[in-house]
PDB file of all heavy atoms in Angstrom:
ATOM      1  N   GLY A   1     192.329  97.281 160.774  1.00  0.00           N
ATOM      2  CA  GLY A   1     191.034  97.832 161.013  1.00  0.00           C
ATOM      3  C   GLY A   1     190.106  96.553 161.780  1.00  0.00           C
ATOM      4  O   GLY A   1     189.420  96.807 162.654  1.00  0.00           O
ATOM      5  N   TYR A   2     190.489  95.289 161.390  1.00  0.00           N
ATOM      6  CA  TYR A   2     189.747  94.175 161.951  1.00  0.00           C
ATOM      7  C   TYR A   2     190.022  94.140 163.405  1.00  0.00           C
ATOM      8  O   TYR A   2     189.169  93.982 164.272  1.00  0.00           O
ATOM      9  CB  TYR A   2     190.074  92.948 161.246  1.00  0.00           C
ATOM     10  CG  TYR A   2     189.628  91.726 162.035  1.00  0.00           C
ATOM     11  CD1 TYR A   2     188.361  91.425 161.904  1.00  0.00           C
ATOM     12  CD2 TYR A   2     190.427  90.816 162.609  1.00  0.00           C
ATOM     13  CE1 TYR A   2     187.740  90.413 162.733  1.00  0.00           C
ATOM     14  CE2 TYR A   2     190.038  89.663 163.274  1.00  0.00           C
ATOM     15  CZ  TYR A   2     188.777  89.459 163.314  1.00  0.00           C
ATOM     16  OH  TYR A   2     188.209  88.356 164.082  1.00  0.00           O
ATOM     17  N   LEU A   3     191.356  94.252 163.798  1.00  0.00           N
ATOM     18  CA  LEU A   3     191.853  94.039 165.158  1.00  0.00           C
ATOM     19  C   LEU A   3     191.285  95.142 165.947  1.00  0.00           C
ATOM     20  O   LEU A   3     190.885  95.125 167.219  1.00  0.00           O
ATOM     21  CB  LEU A   3     193.315  93.840 165.330  1.00  0.00           C
ATOM     22  CG  LEU A   3     193.905  92.619 164.647  1.00  0.00           C
ATOM     23  CD1 LEU A   3     195.358  92.612 164.815  1.00  0.00           C
ATOM     24  CD2 LEU A   3     193.294  91.291 165.293  1.00  0.00           C
ATOM     25  N   GLN A   4     191.288  96.415 165.425  1.00  0.00           N
ATOM     26  CA  GLN A   4     190.803  97.616 166.040  1.00  0.00           C
ATOM     27  C   GLN A   4     189.258  97.424 166.424  1.00  0.00           C
ATOM     28  O   GLN A   4     188.849  97.706 167.418  1.00  0.00           O
ATOM     29  CB  GLN A   4     190.925  98.820 165.240  1.00  0.00           C
ATOM     30  CG  GLN A   4     192.417  99.209 165.087  1.00  0.00           C
ATOM     31  CD  GLN A   4     192.618 100.059 163.944  1.00  0.00           C
ATOM     32  OE1 GLN A   4     191.739 100.389 163.027  1.00  0.00           O
ATOM     33  NE2 GLN A   4     193.958 100.548 163.712  1.00  0.00           N
ATOM     34  N   SER A   5     188.526  96.806 165.477  1.00  0.00           N
ATOM     35  CA  SER A   5     187.040  96.609 165.574  1.00  0.00           C
ATOM     36  C   SER A   5     186.856  95.537 166.744  1.00  0.00           C
ATOM     37  O   SER A   5     185.915  95.756 167.512  1.00  0.00           O
ATOM     38  CB  SER A   5     186.336  96.179 164.369  1.00  0.00           C
ATOM     39  OG  SER A   5     186.809  94.903 164.060  1.00  0.00           O
ATOM     40  N   LYS A   6     187.690  94.526 166.755  1.00  0.00           N
ATOM     41  CA  LYS A   6     187.481  93.568 167.850  1.00  0.00           C
ATOM     42  C   LYS A   6     187.909  94.188 169.233  1.00  0.00           C
ATOM     43  O   LYS A   6     187.289  93.783 170.258  1.00  0.00           O
ATOM     44  CB  LYS A   6     188.379  92.367 167.569  1.00  0.00           C
ATOM     45  CG  LYS A   6     187.956  91.601 166.256  1.00  0.00           C
ATOM     46  CD  LYS A   6     186.574  91.051 166.343  1.00  0.00           C
ATOM     47  CE  LYS A   6     186.611  89.741 167.060  1.00  0.00           C
ATOM     48  NZ  LYS A   6     185.151  89.150 167.067  1.00  0.00           N
ATOM     49  N   TRP A   7     188.914  94.988 169.283  1.00  0.00           N
ATOM     50  CA  TRP A   7     189.200  95.635 170.485  1.00  0.00           C
ATOM     51  C   TRP A   7     188.195  96.483 171.020  1.00  0.00           C
ATOM     52  O   TRP A   7     187.719  96.546 172.212  1.00  0.00           O
ATOM     53  CB  TRP A   7     190.482  96.515 170.374  1.00  0.00           C
ATOM     54  CG  TRP A   7     190.961  97.062 171.591  1.00  0.00           C
ATOM     55  CD1 TRP A   7     191.698  96.582 172.627  1.00  0.00           C
ATOM     56  CD2 TRP A   7     190.569  98.462 172.115  1.00  0.00           C
ATOM     57  NE1 TRP A   7     191.974  97.418 173.654  1.00  0.00           N
ATOM     58  CE2 TRP A   7     191.334  98.562 173.298  1.00  0.00           C
ATOM     59  CE3 TRP A   7     189.948  99.433 171.580  1.00  0.00           C
ATOM     60  CZ2 TRP A   7     191.154  99.772 174.099  1.00  0.00           C
ATOM     61  CZ3 TRP A   7     189.760 100.527 172.371  1.00  0.00           C
ATOM     62  CH2 TRP A   7     190.344 100.709 173.619  1.00  0.00           C
ATOM     63  N   VAL A   8     187.560  97.285 170.124  1.00  0.00           N
ATOM     64  CA  VAL A   8     186.464  98.241 170.541  1.00  0.00           C
ATOM     65  C   VAL A   8     185.245  97.409 171.089  1.00  0.00           C
ATOM     66  O   VAL A   8     184.610  97.606 172.093  1.00  0.00           O
ATOM     67  CB  VAL A   8     186.072  99.117 169.377  1.00  0.00           C
ATOM     68  CG1 VAL A   8     184.740  99.961 169.754  1.00  0.00           C
ATOM     69  CG2 VAL A   8     187.164 100.102 169.086  1.00  0.00           C
ATOM     70  N   ALA A   9     184.938  96.223 170.302  1.00  0.00           N
ATOM     71  CA  ALA A   9     183.710  95.365 170.707  1.00  0.00           C
ATOM     72  C   ALA A   9     184.143  94.805 172.032  1.00  0.00           C
ATOM     73  O   ALA A   9     183.205  94.664 172.967  1.00  0.00           O
ATOM     74  CB  ALA A   9     183.650  94.225 169.775  1.00  0.00           C
ATOM     75  N   GLU A  10     185.360  94.467 172.343  1.00  0.00           N
ATOM     76  CA  GLU A  10     185.668  93.874 173.643  1.00  0.00           C
ATOM     77  C   GLU A  10     185.484  94.979 174.831  1.00  0.00           C
ATOM     78  O   GLU A  10     185.009  94.645 175.977  1.00  0.00           O
ATOM     79  CB  GLU A  10     187.046  93.453 173.857  1.00  0.00           C
ATOM     80  CG  GLU A  10     187.319  92.035 173.451  1.00  0.00           C
ATOM     81  CD  GLU A  10     188.566  91.397 174.067  1.00  0.00           C
ATOM     82  OE1 GLU A  10     188.949  91.921 175.149  1.00  0.00           O
ATOM     83  OE2 GLU A  10     189.119  90.435 173.533  1.00  0.00           O
ATOM     84  N   GLN A  11     185.672  96.295 174.423  1.00  0.00           N
ATOM     85  CA  GLN A  11     185.428  97.319 175.431  1.00  0.00           C
ATOM     86  C   GLN A  11     183.924  97.456 175.714  1.00  0.00           C
ATOM     87  O   GLN A  11     183.609  97.655 176.907  1.00  0.00           O
ATOM     88  CB  GLN A  11     185.939  98.731 174.868  1.00  0.00           C
ATOM     89  CG  GLN A  11     187.325  98.686 174.501  1.00  0.00           C
ATOM     90  CD  GLN A  11     188.407  97.922 175.549  1.00  0.00           C
ATOM     91  OE1 GLN A  11     188.414  98.318 176.716  1.00  0.00           O
ATOM     92  NE2 GLN A  11     189.043  96.895 175.088  1.00  0.00           N
ATOM     93  N   LEU A  12     183.049  97.234 174.675  1.00  0.00           N
ATOM     94  CA  LEU A  12     181.605  97.223 174.930  1.00  0.00           C
ATOM     95  C   LEU A  12     181.225  96.015 175.873  1.00  0.00           C
ATOM     96  O   LEU A  12     180.378  96.112 176.769  1.00  0.00           O
ATOM     97  CB  LEU A  12     180.875  97.171 173.637  1.00  0.00           C
ATOM     98  CG  LEU A  12     180.941  98.323 172.676  1.00  0.00           C
ATOM     99  CD1 LEU A  12     179.979  98.109 171.432  1.00  0.00           C
ATOM    100  CD2 LEU A  12     180.584  99.653 173.278  1.00  0.00           C
ATOM    101  N   VAL A  13     181.890  94.924 175.613  1.00  0.00           N
ATOM    102  CA  VAL A  13     181.589  93.725 176.505  1.00  0.00           C
ATOM    103  C   VAL A  13     182.019  94.081 177.940  1.00  0.00           C
ATOM    104  O   VAL A  13     181.313  93.668 178.873  1.00  0.00           O
ATOM    105  CB  VAL A  13     182.456  92.532 175.908  1.00  0.00           C
ATOM    106  CG1 VAL A  13     182.487  91.414 177.005  1.00  0.00           C
ATOM    107  CG2 VAL A  13     181.832  91.941 174.665  1.00  0.00           C
ATOM    108  N   GLY A  14     183.110  94.704 178.119  1.00  0.00           N
ATOM    109  CA  GLY A  14     183.596  95.190 179.478  1.00  0.00           C
ATOM    110  C   GLY A  14     182.578  95.995 180.122  1.00  0.00           C
ATOM    111  O   GLY A  14     182.318  95.961 181.413  1.00  0.00           O
ATOM    112  N   LEU A  15     182.005  96.968 179.440  1.00  0.00           N
ATOM    113  CA  LEU A  15     181.046  97.925 179.899  1.00  0.00           C
ATOM    114  C   LEU A  15     179.812  97.102 180.389  1.00  0.00           C
ATOM    115  O   LEU A  15     179.129  97.320 181.385  1.00  0.00           O
ATOM    116  CB  LEU A  15     180.674  98.928 178.842  1.00  0.00           C
ATOM    117  CG  LEU A  15     181.771  99.929 178.563  1.00  0.00           C
ATOM    118  CD1 LEU A  15     181.271 100.964 177.397  1.00  0.00           C
ATOM    119  CD2 LEU A  15     182.104 100.849 179.860  1.00  0.00           C
ATOM    120  N   ALA A  16     179.401  96.155 179.448  1.00  0.00           N
ATOM    121  CA  ALA A  16     178.254  95.330 179.861  1.00  0.00           C
ATOM    122  C   ALA A  16     178.515  94.475 181.095  1.00  0.00           C
ATOM    123  O   ALA A  16     177.490  94.303 181.904  1.00  0.00           O
ATOM    124  CB  ALA A  16     177.955  94.351 178.656  1.00  0.00           C
ATOM    125  N   ARG A  17     179.680  93.936 181.145  1.00  0.00           N
ATOM    126  CA  ARG A  17     180.010  93.185 182.359  1.00  0.00           C
ATOM    127  C   ARG A  17     179.954  94.063 183.664  1.00  0.00           C
ATOM    128  O   ARG A  17     179.559  93.586 184.704  1.00  0.00           O
ATOM    129  CB  ARG A  17     181.462  92.758 182.247  1.00  0.00           C
ATOM    130  CG  ARG A  17     181.660  91.354 181.399  1.00  0.00           C
ATOM    131  CD  ARG A  17     183.113  91.150 181.239  1.00  0.00           C
ATOM    132  NE  ARG A  17     183.422  89.831 180.766  1.00  0.00           N
ATOM    133  CZ  ARG A  17     184.643  89.320 180.418  1.00  0.00           C
ATOM    134  NH1 ARG A  17     185.637  90.295 180.604  1.00  0.00           N
ATOM    135  NH2 ARG A  17     184.846  88.215 180.096  1.00  0.00           N
ATOM    136  N   ASP A  18     180.337  95.354 183.408  1.00  0.00           N
ATOM    137  CA  ASP A  18     180.412  96.152 184.683  1.00  0.00           C
ATOM    138  C   ASP A  18     178.939  96.414 185.074  1.00  0.00           C
ATOM    139  O   ASP A  18     178.693  96.725 186.295  1.00  0.00           O
ATOM    140  CB  ASP A  18     180.975  97.613 184.255  1.00  0.00           C
ATOM    141  CG  ASP A  18     182.640  97.390 184.095  1.00  0.00           C
ATOM    142  OD1 ASP A  18     183.077  96.412 184.568  1.00  0.00           O
ATOM    143  OD2 ASP A  18     183.139  98.313 183.519  1.00  0.00           O
ATOM    144  N   ARG A  19     177.945  96.397 184.161  1.00  0.00           N
ATOM    145  CA  ARG A  19     176.624  96.641 184.491  1.00  0.00           C
ATOM    146  C   ARG A  19     175.854  95.320 184.994  1.00  0.00           C
ATOM    147  O   ARG A  19     174.734  95.332 185.392  1.00  0.00           O
ATOM    148  CB  ARG A  19     175.823  97.073 183.270  1.00  0.00           C
ATOM    149  CG  ARG A  19     176.258  98.393 182.801  1.00  0.00           C
ATOM    150  CD  ARG A  19     175.413  99.024 181.704  1.00  0.00           C
ATOM    151  NE  ARG A  19     175.819 100.220 181.053  1.00  0.00           N
ATOM    152  CZ  ARG A  19     175.325 100.839 180.094  1.00  0.00           C
ATOM    153  NH1 ARG A  19     174.185 100.278 179.463  1.00  0.00           N
ATOM    154  NH2 ARG A  19     175.833 101.990 179.708  1.00  0.00           N
ATOM    155  N   GLY A  20     176.622  94.162 184.930  1.00  0.00           N
ATOM    156  CA  GLY A  20     176.098  92.919 185.524  1.00  0.00           C
ATOM    157  C   GLY A  20     175.619  91.942 184.425  1.00  0.00           C
ATOM    158  O   GLY A  20     175.090  90.884 184.868  1.00  0.00           O
ATOM    159  N   LEU A  21     175.937  92.150 183.132  1.00  0.00           N
ATOM    160  CA  LEU A  21     175.554  91.196 182.131  1.00  0.00           C
ATOM    161  C   LEU A  21     176.522  90.009 182.190  1.00  0.00           C
ATOM    162  O   LEU A  21     177.826  90.294 182.296  1.00  0.00           O
ATOM    163  CB  LEU A  21     175.542  91.853 180.802  1.00  0.00           C
ATOM    164  CG  LEU A  21     174.259  92.449 180.275  1.00  0.00           C
ATOM    165  CD1 LEU A  21     173.964  93.660 181.103  1.00  0.00           C
ATOM    166  CD2 LEU A  21     174.368  92.830 178.679  1.00  0.00           C
ATOM    167  N   PRO A  22     176.042  88.849 182.087  1.00  0.00           N
ATOM    168  CA  PRO A  22     176.937  87.647 182.053  1.00  0.00           C
ATOM    169  C   PRO A  22     177.587  87.429 180.649  1.00  0.00           C
ATOM    170  O   PRO A  22     176.984  86.775 179.887  1.00  0.00           O
ATOM    171  CB  PRO A  22     176.092  86.516 182.480  1.00  0.00           C
ATOM    172  CG  PRO A  22     174.694  86.957 181.957  1.00  0.00           C
ATOM    173  CD  PRO A  22     174.712  88.385 182.075  1.00  0.00           C
ATOM    174  N   VAL A  23     178.759  87.883 180.458  1.00  0.00           N
ATOM    175  CA  VAL A  23     179.457  87.739 179.056  1.00  0.00           C
ATOM    176  C   VAL A  23     180.819  87.292 179.287  1.00  0.00           C
ATOM    177  O   VAL A  23     181.677  87.765 180.059  1.00  0.00           O
ATOM    178  CB  VAL A  23     179.539  89.129 178.364  1.00  0.00           C
ATOM    179  CG1 VAL A  23     180.039  89.021 176.930  1.00  0.00           C
ATOM    180  CG2 VAL A  23     178.223  89.904 178.433  1.00  0.00           C
ATOM    181  N   SER A  24     180.987  86.061 178.652  1.00  0.00           N
ATOM    182  CA  SER A  24     182.424  85.539 178.527  1.00  0.00           C
ATOM    183  C   SER A  24     183.137  85.873 177.328  1.00  0.00           C
ATOM    184  O   SER A  24     182.422  86.119 176.278  1.00  0.00           O
ATOM    185  CB  SER A  24     182.331  84.002 178.607  1.00  0.00           C
ATOM    186  OG  SER A  24     181.912  83.637 179.857  1.00  0.00           O
ATOM    187  N   VAL A  25     184.410  86.025 177.365  1.00  0.00           N
ATOM    188  CA  VAL A  25     185.255  86.331 176.143  1.00  0.00           C
ATOM    189  C   VAL A  25     186.133  85.151 175.973  1.00  0.00           C
ATOM    190  O   VAL A  25     186.924  84.852 176.922  1.00  0.00           O
ATOM    191  CB  VAL A  25     185.972  87.634 176.424  1.00  0.00           C
ATOM    192  CG1 VAL A  25     186.931  87.943 175.237  1.00  0.00           C
ATOM    193  CG2 VAL A  25     185.053  88.845 176.552  1.00  0.00           C
ATOM    194  N   HIS A  26     186.125  84.748 174.730  1.00  0.00           N
ATOM    195  CA  HIS A  26     186.989  83.719 174.380  1.00  0.00           C
ATOM    196  C   HIS A  26     188.023  84.196 173.373  1.00  0.00           C
ATOM    197  O   HIS A  26     187.621  84.452 172.072  1.00  0.00           O
ATOM    198  CB  HIS A  26     186.281  82.427 173.740  1.00  0.00           C
ATOM    199  CG  HIS A  26     185.303  81.889 174.761  1.00  0.00           C
ATOM    200  ND1 HIS A  26     185.553  80.934 175.653  1.00  0.00           N
ATOM    201  CD2 HIS A  26     183.921  82.276 174.895  1.00  0.00           C
ATOM    202  CE1 HIS A  26     184.495  80.655 176.376  1.00  0.00           C
ATOM    203  NE2 HIS A  26     183.469  81.471 175.968  1.00  0.00           N
ATOM    204  N   ARG A  27     189.304  84.533 173.698  1.00  0.00           N
ATOM    205  CA  ARG A  27     190.237  85.042 172.752  1.00  0.00           C
ATOM    206  C   ARG A  27     191.007  83.953 172.091  1.00  0.00           C
ATOM    207  O   ARG A  27     191.639  83.131 172.699  1.00  0.00           O
ATOM    208  CB  ARG A  27     191.269  85.923 173.445  1.00  0.00           C
ATOM    209  CG  ARG A  27     190.662  87.248 174.073  1.00  0.00           C
ATOM    210  CD  ARG A  27     191.726  88.095 174.694  1.00  0.00           C
ATOM    211  NE  ARG A  27     191.158  89.255 175.401  1.00  0.00           N
ATOM    212  CZ  ARG A  27     191.615  89.806 176.483  1.00  0.00           C
ATOM    213  NH1 ARG A  27     192.574  89.153 177.194  1.00  0.00           N
ATOM    214  NH2 ARG A  27     190.979  90.879 176.975  1.00  0.00           N
ATOM    215  N   VAL A  28     190.841  83.918 170.770  1.00  0.00           N
ATOM    216  CA  VAL A  28     191.344  82.688 169.969  1.00  0.00           C
ATOM    217  C   VAL A  28     192.511  83.194 169.137  1.00  0.00           C
ATOM    218  O   VAL A  28     192.575  84.276 168.559  1.00  0.00           O
ATOM    219  CB  VAL A  28     190.201  82.170 169.017  1.00  0.00           C
ATOM    220  CG1 VAL A  28     190.618  81.025 168.256  1.00  0.00           C
ATOM    221  CG2 VAL A  28     188.964  81.869 169.769  1.00  0.00           C
TER     222      VAL A  28
END
């Protein structure tokens, strides 16, 4: 469930980027 939640959160970040928000993703 943790990894699933991080994946979904990354999809929200992707949608935000598509709208022009400056968001970097650091996969650790």
